[in-house]
Amino acid sequence: MKTVAALLLVGMLIVWTELPTGSAWSCPPVRVTCARPNPPNQCYSSQQCPPNHKCCPSSCGRRCISHPFFPSLSYS
């Protein structure tokens, strides 16, 4: 029984350390491919983007996108 509890605790710790922080977010998946053979890029790195934006691949070249807004859930 102690072994199961220890494994469960280790598993929960691994999942907890892998959760993203408030500032980390990844680019959304690209579902459509551009028909142009060499589309122009608006940016090449996130340093070229305004604050709170990230340089991400889009359907036609790379562009700066803003942080996706997800409303926080509050139980008050």
PDB file of N, CA and C in Angstrom:
ATOM      1  N   MET A   1       0.818  -1.189   0.000  1.00  0.00           N
ATOM      2  CA  MET A   1       0.000   0.000   0.000  1.00  0.00           C
ATOM      3  C   MET A   1       0.865   1.257   0.000  1.00  0.00           C
ATOM      4  N   LYS A   2       1.975   1.217   0.757  1.00  0.00           N
ATOM      5  CA  LYS A   2       2.872   2.373   0.783  1.00  0.00           C
ATOM      6  C   LYS A   2       3.512   2.593  -0.581  1.00  0.00           C
ATOM      7  N   THR A   3       3.776   1.524  -1.298  1.00  0.00           N
ATOM      8  CA  THR A   3       4.383   1.644  -2.622  1.00  0.00           C
ATOM      9  C   THR A   3       3.433   2.338  -3.587  1.00  0.00           C
ATOM     10  N   VAL A   4       2.166   1.990  -3.536  1.00  0.00           N
ATOM     11  CA  VAL A   4       1.177   2.615  -4.411  1.00  0.00           C
ATOM     12  C   VAL A   4       1.055   4.105  -4.090  1.00  0.00           C
ATOM     13  N   ALA A   5       1.032   4.442  -2.818  1.00  0.00           N
ATOM     14  CA  ALA A   5       0.936   5.843  -2.417  1.00  0.00           C
ATOM     15  C   ALA A   5       2.174   6.624  -2.854  1.00  0.00           C
ATOM     16  N   ALA A   6       3.338   6.015  -2.725  1.00  0.00           N
ATOM     17  CA  ALA A   6       4.575   6.675  -3.141  1.00  0.00           C
ATOM     18  C   ALA A   6       4.602   6.884  -4.654  1.00  0.00           C
ATOM     19  N   LEU A   7       4.165   5.886  -5.418  1.00  0.00           N
ATOM     20  CA  LEU A   7       4.127   6.029  -6.873  1.00  0.00           C
ATOM     21  C   LEU A   7       3.118   7.093  -7.298  1.00  0.00           C
ATOM     22  N   LEU A   8       1.986   7.144  -6.621  1.00  0.00           N
ATOM     23  CA  LEU A   8       0.989   8.156  -6.924  1.00  0.00           C
ATOM     24  C   LEU A   8       1.531   9.556  -6.634  1.00  0.00           C
ATOM     25  N   LEU A   9       2.224   9.718  -5.519  1.00  0.00           N
ATOM     26  CA  LEU A   9       2.818  11.001  -5.170  1.00  0.00           C
ATOM     27  C   LEU A   9       3.872  11.421  -6.190  1.00  0.00           C
ATOM     28  N   VAL A  10       4.722  10.503  -6.609  1.00  0.00           N
ATOM     29  CA  VAL A  10       5.748  10.800  -7.610  1.00  0.00           C
ATOM     30  C   VAL A  10       5.094  11.181  -8.934  1.00  0.00           C
ATOM     31  N   GLY A  11       4.062  10.470  -9.321  1.00  0.00           N
ATOM     32  CA  GLY A  11       3.355  10.793 -10.557  1.00  0.00           C
ATOM     33  C   GLY A  11       2.732  12.176 -10.517  1.00  0.00           C
ATOM     34  N   MET A  12       2.127  12.524  -9.386  1.00  0.00           N
ATOM     35  CA  MET A  12       1.526  13.847  -9.248  1.00  0.00           C
ATOM     36  C   MET A  12       2.589  14.936  -9.290  1.00  0.00           C
ATOM     37  N   LEU A  13       3.742  14.706  -8.694  1.00  0.00           N
ATOM     38  CA  LEU A  13       4.823  15.681  -8.729  1.00  0.00           C
ATOM     39  C   LEU A  13       5.345  15.880 -10.147  1.00  0.00           C
ATOM     40  N   ILE A  14       5.448  14.808 -10.903  1.00  0.00           N
ATOM     41  CA  ILE A  14       5.910  14.914 -12.297  1.00  0.00           C
ATOM     42  C   ILE A  14       4.922  15.719 -13.120  1.00  0.00           C
ATOM     43  N   VAL A  15       3.640  15.451 -12.974  1.00  0.00           N
ATOM     44  CA  VAL A  15       2.623  16.200 -13.712  1.00  0.00           C
ATOM     45  C   VAL A  15       2.642  17.664 -13.294  1.00  0.00           C
ATOM     46  N   TRP A  16       2.785  17.946 -12.012  1.00  0.00           N
ATOM     47  CA  TRP A  16       2.794  19.309 -11.510  1.00  0.00           C
ATOM     48  C   TRP A  16       3.978  20.097 -12.061  1.00  0.00           C
ATOM     49  N   THR A  17       5.148  19.480 -12.167  1.00  0.00           N
ATOM     50  CA  THR A  17       6.316  20.189 -12.683  1.00  0.00           C
ATOM     51  C   THR A  17       6.216  20.431 -14.183  1.00  0.00           C
ATOM     52  N   GLU A  18       5.416  19.649 -14.892  1.00  0.00           N
ATOM     53  CA  GLU A  18       5.261  19.820 -16.323  1.00  0.00           C
ATOM     54  C   GLU A  18       4.186  20.829 -16.694  1.00  0.00           C
ATOM     55  N   LEU A  19       3.375  21.288 -15.740  1.00  0.00           N
ATOM     56  CA  LEU A  19       2.324  22.252 -16.042  1.00  0.00           C
ATOM     57  C   LEU A  19       2.941  23.581 -16.437  1.00  0.00           C
ATOM     58  N   PRO A  20       2.366  24.255 -17.440  1.00  0.00           N
ATOM     59  CA  PRO A  20       2.930  25.536 -17.853  1.00  0.00           C
ATOM     60  C   PRO A  20       2.697  26.616 -16.810  1.00  0.00           C
ATOM     61  N   THR A  21       3.615  27.569 -16.784  1.00  0.00           N
ATOM     62  CA  THR A  21       3.454  28.701 -15.881  1.00  0.00           C
ATOM     63  C   THR A  21       2.584  29.737 -16.553  1.00  0.00           C
ATOM     64  N   GLY A  22       2.286  30.804 -15.865  1.00  0.00           N
ATOM     65  CA  GLY A  22       1.428  31.835 -16.424  1.00  0.00           C
ATOM     66  C   GLY A  22       2.015  32.530 -17.636  1.00  0.00           C
ATOM     67  N   SER A  23       3.346  32.580 -17.761  1.00  0.00           N
ATOM     68  CA  SER A  23       3.946  33.312 -18.864  1.00  0.00           C
ATOM     69  C   SER A  23       4.293  32.408 -20.046  1.00  0.00           C
ATOM     70  N   ALA A  24       4.357  31.138 -19.843  1.00  0.00           N
ATOM     71  CA  ALA A  24       4.739  30.230 -20.923  1.00  0.00           C
ATOM     72  C   ALA A  24       3.518  29.800 -21.716  1.00  0.00           C
ATOM     73  N   TRP A  25       3.590  29.928 -23.018  1.00  0.00           N
ATOM     74  CA  TRP A  25       2.519  29.455 -23.891  1.00  0.00           C
ATOM     75  C   TRP A  25       3.140  29.080 -25.213  1.00  0.00           C
ATOM     76  N   SER A  26       2.505  28.182 -25.880  1.00  0.00           N
ATOM     77  CA  SER A  26       3.055  27.698 -27.136  1.00  0.00           C
ATOM     78  C   SER A  26       2.207  28.179 -28.303  1.00  0.00           C
ATOM     79  N   CYS A  27       2.790  28.117 -29.469  1.00  0.00           N
ATOM     80  CA  CYS A  27       2.106  28.551 -30.683  1.00  0.00           C
ATOM     81  C   CYS A  27       0.957  27.592 -31.000  1.00  0.00           C
ATOM     82  N   PRO A  28      -0.135  28.124 -31.521  1.00  0.00           N
ATOM     83  CA  PRO A  28      -1.247  27.239 -31.890  1.00  0.00           C
ATOM     84  C   PRO A  28      -0.887  26.391 -33.098  1.00  0.00           C
ATOM     85  N   PRO A  29      -1.491  25.246 -33.248  1.00  0.00           N
ATOM     86  CA  PRO A  29      -1.185  24.395 -34.405  1.00  0.00           C
ATOM     87  C   PRO A  29      -1.663  25.040 -35.707  1.00  0.00           C
ATOM     88  N   VAL A  30      -0.931  24.777 -36.773  1.00  0.00           N
ATOM     89  CA  VAL A  30      -1.294  25.295 -38.090  1.00  0.00           C
ATOM     90  C   VAL A  30      -2.095  24.210 -38.799  1.00  0.00           C
ATOM     91  N   ARG A  31      -3.324  24.522 -39.155  1.00  0.00           N
ATOM     92  CA  ARG A  31      -4.202  23.515 -39.760  1.00  0.00           C
ATOM     93  C   ARG A  31      -4.331  23.685 -41.266  1.00  0.00           C
ATOM     94  N   VAL A  32      -3.944  24.843 -41.791  1.00  0.00           N
ATOM     95  CA  VAL A  32      -4.073  25.126 -43.218  1.00  0.00           C
ATOM     96  C   VAL A  32      -2.688  25.437 -43.760  1.00  0.00           C
ATOM     97  N   THR A  33      -2.367  24.914 -44.922  1.00  0.00           N
ATOM     98  CA  THR A  33      -1.066  25.160 -45.537  1.00  0.00           C
ATOM     99  C   THR A  33      -1.217  26.167 -46.662  1.00  0.00           C
ATOM    100  N   CYS A  34      -0.267  27.083 -46.718  1.00  0.00           N
ATOM    101  CA  CYS A  34      -0.275  28.142 -47.721  1.00  0.00           C
ATOM    102  C   CYS A  34       0.025  27.555 -49.104  1.00  0.00           C
ATOM    103  N   ALA A  35      -0.632  28.093 -50.113  1.00  0.00           N
ATOM    104  CA  ALA A  35      -0.414  27.624 -51.482  1.00  0.00           C
ATOM    105  C   ALA A  35       0.827  28.263 -52.102  1.00  0.00           C
ATOM    106  N   ARG A  36       1.325  29.357 -51.489  1.00  0.00           N
ATOM    107  CA  ARG A  36       2.518  30.010 -52.004  1.00  0.00           C
ATOM    108  C   ARG A  36       3.738  29.160 -51.685  1.00  0.00           C
ATOM    109  N   PRO A  37       4.675  29.027 -52.622  1.00  0.00           N
ATOM    110  CA  PRO A  37       5.843  28.178 -52.375  1.00  0.00           C
ATOM    111  C   PRO A  37       6.797  28.748 -51.332  1.00  0.00           C
ATOM    112  N   ASN A  38       6.923  30.066 -51.235  1.00  0.00           N
ATOM    113  CA  ASN A  38       7.831  30.678 -50.271  1.00  0.00           C
ATOM    114  C   ASN A  38       7.142  31.898 -49.666  1.00  0.00           C
ATOM    115  N   PRO A  39       6.236  31.697 -48.692  1.00  0.00           N
ATOM    116  CA  PRO A  39       5.473  32.826 -48.153  1.00  0.00           C
ATOM    117  C   PRO A  39       6.367  33.782 -47.362  1.00  0.00           C
ATOM    118  N   PRO A  40       6.047  35.080 -47.349  1.00  0.00           N
ATOM    119  CA  PRO A  40       6.852  36.045 -46.584  1.00  0.00           C
ATOM    120  C   PRO A  40       6.624  35.869 -45.078  1.00  0.00           C
ATOM    121  N   ASN A  41       7.659  36.157 -44.331  1.00  0.00           N
ATOM    122  CA  ASN A  41       7.582  36.082 -42.872  1.00  0.00           C
ATOM    123  C   ASN A  41       7.521  37.485 -42.295  1.00  0.00           C
ATOM    124  N   GLN A  42       6.653  37.685 -41.310  1.00  0.00           N
ATOM    125  CA  GLN A  42       6.571  38.955 -40.605  1.00  0.00           C
ATOM    126  C   GLN A  42       7.662  39.030 -39.537  1.00  0.00           C
ATOM    127  N   CYS A  43       8.079  37.871 -39.049  1.00  0.00           N
ATOM    128  CA  CYS A  43       9.098  37.816 -38.000  1.00  0.00           C
ATOM    129  C   CYS A  43       9.887  36.521 -38.138  1.00  0.00           C
ATOM    130  N   TYR A  44      11.037  36.489 -37.469  1.00  0.00           N
ATOM    131  CA  TYR A  44      11.856  35.279 -37.444  1.00  0.00           C
ATOM    132  C   TYR A  44      12.095  34.786 -36.016  1.00  0.00           C
ATOM    133  N   SER A  45      11.920  35.687 -35.025  1.00  0.00           N
ATOM    134  CA  SER A  45      12.029  35.314 -33.615  1.00  0.00           C
ATOM    135  C   SER A  45      11.061  36.164 -32.811  1.00  0.00           C
ATOM    136  N   SER A  46      10.742  35.742 -31.613  1.00  0.00           N
ATOM    137  CA  SER A  46       9.797  36.462 -30.769  1.00  0.00           C
ATOM    138  C   SER A  46      10.347  37.802 -30.306  1.00  0.00           C
ATOM    139  N   GLN A  47      11.663  37.983 -30.383  1.00  0.00           N
ATOM    140  CA  GLN A  47      12.260  39.259 -29.996  1.00  0.00           C
ATOM    141  C   GLN A  47      11.874  40.369 -30.967  1.00  0.00           C
ATOM    142  N   GLN A  48      11.466  40.026 -32.158  1.00  0.00           N
ATOM    143  CA  GLN A  48      11.046  41.009 -33.150  1.00  0.00           C
ATOM    144  C   GLN A  48       9.578  41.402 -32.983  1.00  0.00           C
ATOM    145  N   CYS A  49       8.879  40.762 -32.083  1.00  0.00           N
ATOM    146  CA  CYS A  49       7.448  41.005 -31.881  1.00  0.00           C
ATOM    147  C   CYS A  49       7.222  41.979 -30.734  1.00  0.00           C
ATOM    148  N   PRO A  50       6.051  42.622 -30.709  1.00  0.00           N
ATOM    149  CA  PRO A  50       5.712  43.489 -29.572  1.00  0.00           C
ATOM    150  C   PRO A  50       5.593  42.671 -28.286  1.00  0.00           C
ATOM    151  N   PRO A  51       5.573  43.359 -27.130  1.00  0.00           N
ATOM    152  CA  PRO A  51       5.397  42.643 -25.857  1.00  0.00           C
ATOM    153  C   PRO A  51       4.115  41.801 -25.868  1.00  0.00           C
ATOM    154  N   ASN A  52       4.166  40.691 -25.200  1.00  0.00           N
ATOM    155  CA  ASN A  52       3.047  39.743 -25.086  1.00  0.00           C
ATOM    156  C   ASN A  52       2.666  39.131 -26.428  1.00  0.00           C
ATOM    157  N   HIS A  53       3.570  39.121 -27.379  1.00  0.00           N
ATOM    158  CA  HIS A  53       3.366  38.475 -28.671  1.00  0.00           C
ATOM    159  C   HIS A  53       4.489  37.468 -28.885  1.00  0.00           C
ATOM    160  N   LYS A  54       4.240  36.511 -29.742  1.00  0.00           N
ATOM    161  CA  LYS A  54       5.214  35.469 -30.026  1.00  0.00           C
ATOM    162  C   LYS A  54       5.264  35.241 -31.527  1.00  0.00           C
ATOM    163  N   CYS A  55       6.447  34.986 -32.068  1.00  0.00           N
ATOM    164  CA  CYS A  55       6.603  34.700 -33.490  1.00  0.00           C
ATOM    165  C   CYS A  55       6.253  33.225 -33.711  1.00  0.00           C
ATOM    166  N   CYS A  56       5.170  32.995 -34.429  1.00  0.00           N
ATOM    167  CA  CYS A  56       4.664  31.636 -34.619  1.00  0.00           C
ATOM    168  C   CYS A  56       4.430  31.349 -36.101  1.00  0.00           C
ATOM    169  N   PRO A  57       4.547  30.093 -36.483  1.00  0.00           N
ATOM    170  CA  PRO A  57       4.171  29.742 -37.856  1.00  0.00           C
ATOM    171  C   PRO A  57       2.670  29.920 -38.028  1.00  0.00           C
ATOM    172  N   SER A  58       2.292  30.462 -39.166  1.00  0.00           N
ATOM    173  CA  SER A  58       0.876  30.611 -39.474  1.00  0.00           C
ATOM    174  C   SER A  58       0.595  29.849 -40.762  1.00  0.00           C
ATOM    175  N   SER A  59      -0.604  30.002 -41.274  1.00  0.00           N
ATOM    176  CA  SER A  59      -0.950  29.271 -42.488  1.00  0.00           C
ATOM    177  C   SER A  59      -0.116  29.737 -43.678  1.00  0.00           C
ATOM    178  N   CYS A  60       0.406  30.970 -43.613  1.00  0.00           N
ATOM    179  CA  CYS A  60       1.206  31.492 -44.723  1.00  0.00           C
ATOM    180  C   CYS A  60       2.350  32.342 -44.170  1.00  0.00           C
ATOM    181  N   GLY A  61       3.416  31.718 -43.742  1.00  0.00           N
ATOM    182  CA  GLY A  61       4.572  32.413 -43.183  1.00  0.00           C
ATOM    183  C   GLY A  61       4.477  32.554 -41.671  1.00  0.00           C
ATOM    184  N   ARG A  62       5.541  33.102 -41.078  1.00  0.00           N
ATOM    185  CA  ARG A  62       5.565  33.339 -39.632  1.00  0.00           C
ATOM    186  C   ARG A  62       5.045  34.739 -39.355  1.00  0.00           C
ATOM    187  N   ARG A  63       4.325  34.883 -38.226  1.00  0.00           N
ATOM    188  CA  ARG A  63       3.817  36.194 -37.855  1.00  0.00           C
ATOM    189  C   ARG A  63       3.716  36.295 -36.343  1.00  0.00           C
ATOM    190  N   CYS A  64       3.631  37.527 -35.843  1.00  0.00           N
ATOM    191  CA  CYS A  64       3.494  37.782 -34.412  1.00  0.00           C
ATOM    192  C   CYS A  64       2.037  37.583 -34.013  1.00  0.00           C
ATOM    193  N   ILE A  65       1.824  36.760 -33.009  1.00  0.00           N
ATOM    194  CA  ILE A  65       0.470  36.563 -32.506  1.00  0.00           C
ATOM    195  C   ILE A  65       0.446  36.925 -31.026  1.00  0.00           C
ATOM    196  N   SER A  66      -0.695  37.356 -30.551  1.00  0.00           N
ATOM    197  CA  SER A  66      -0.825  37.727 -29.142  1.00  0.00           C
ATOM    198  C   SER A  66      -1.140  36.494 -28.305  1.00  0.00           C
ATOM    199  N   HIS A  67      -0.915  36.633 -27.029  1.00  0.00           N
ATOM    200  CA  HIS A  67      -1.178  35.550 -26.079  1.00  0.00           C
ATOM    201  C   HIS A  67      -2.662  35.216 -26.132  1.00  0.00           C
ATOM    202  N   PRO A  68      -3.012  33.948 -26.279  1.00  0.00           N
ATOM    203  CA  PRO A  68      -4.435  33.588 -26.292  1.00  0.00           C
ATOM    204  C   PRO A  68      -5.053  33.879 -24.932  1.00  0.00           C
ATOM    205  N   PHE A  69      -6.231  34.451 -24.942  1.00  0.00           N
ATOM    206  CA  PHE A  69      -6.916  34.808 -23.698  1.00  0.00           C
ATOM    207  C   PHE A  69      -7.821  33.680 -23.260  1.00  0.00           C
ATOM    208  N   PHE A  70      -7.576  33.201 -22.057  1.00  0.00           N
ATOM    209  CA  PHE A  70      -8.439  32.201 -21.459  1.00  0.00           C
ATOM    210  C   PHE A  70      -8.922  32.783 -20.138  1.00  0.00           C
ATOM    211  N   PRO A  71     -10.218  33.023 -19.995  1.00  0.00           N
ATOM    212  CA  PRO A  71     -10.709  33.623 -18.747  1.00  0.00           C
ATOM    213  C   PRO A  71     -10.423  32.715 -17.558  1.00  0.00           C
ATOM    214  N   SER A  72     -10.029  33.332 -16.467  1.00  0.00           N
ATOM    215  CA  SER A  72      -9.738  32.533 -15.276  1.00  0.00           C
ATOM    216  C   SER A  72     -11.044  32.106 -14.614  1.00  0.00           C
ATOM    217  N   LEU A  73     -10.987  30.954 -14.041  1.00  0.00           N
ATOM    218  CA  LEU A  73     -12.153  30.435 -13.325  1.00  0.00           C
ATOM    219  C   LEU A  73     -12.011  30.804 -11.868  1.00  0.00           C
ATOM    220  N   SER A  74     -12.952  31.540 -11.366  1.00  0.00           N
ATOM    221  CA  SER A  74     -12.908  31.887  -9.945  1.00  0.00           C
ATOM    222  C   SER A  74     -14.203  31.420  -9.296  1.00  0.00           C
ATOM    223  N   TYR A  75     -14.042  30.834  -8.184  1.00  0.00           N
ATOM    224  CA  TYR A  75     -15.186  30.318  -7.427  1.00  0.00           C
ATOM    225  C   TYR A  75     -15.341  31.154  -6.171  1.00  0.00           C
ATOM    226  N   SER A  76     -15.998  32.300  -6.293  1.00  0.00           N
ATOM    227  CA  SER A  76     -16.161  33.154  -5.123  1.00  0.00           C
ATOM    228  C   SER A  76     -17.601  33.281  -4.739  1.00  0.00           C
TER     229      SER A  76
END
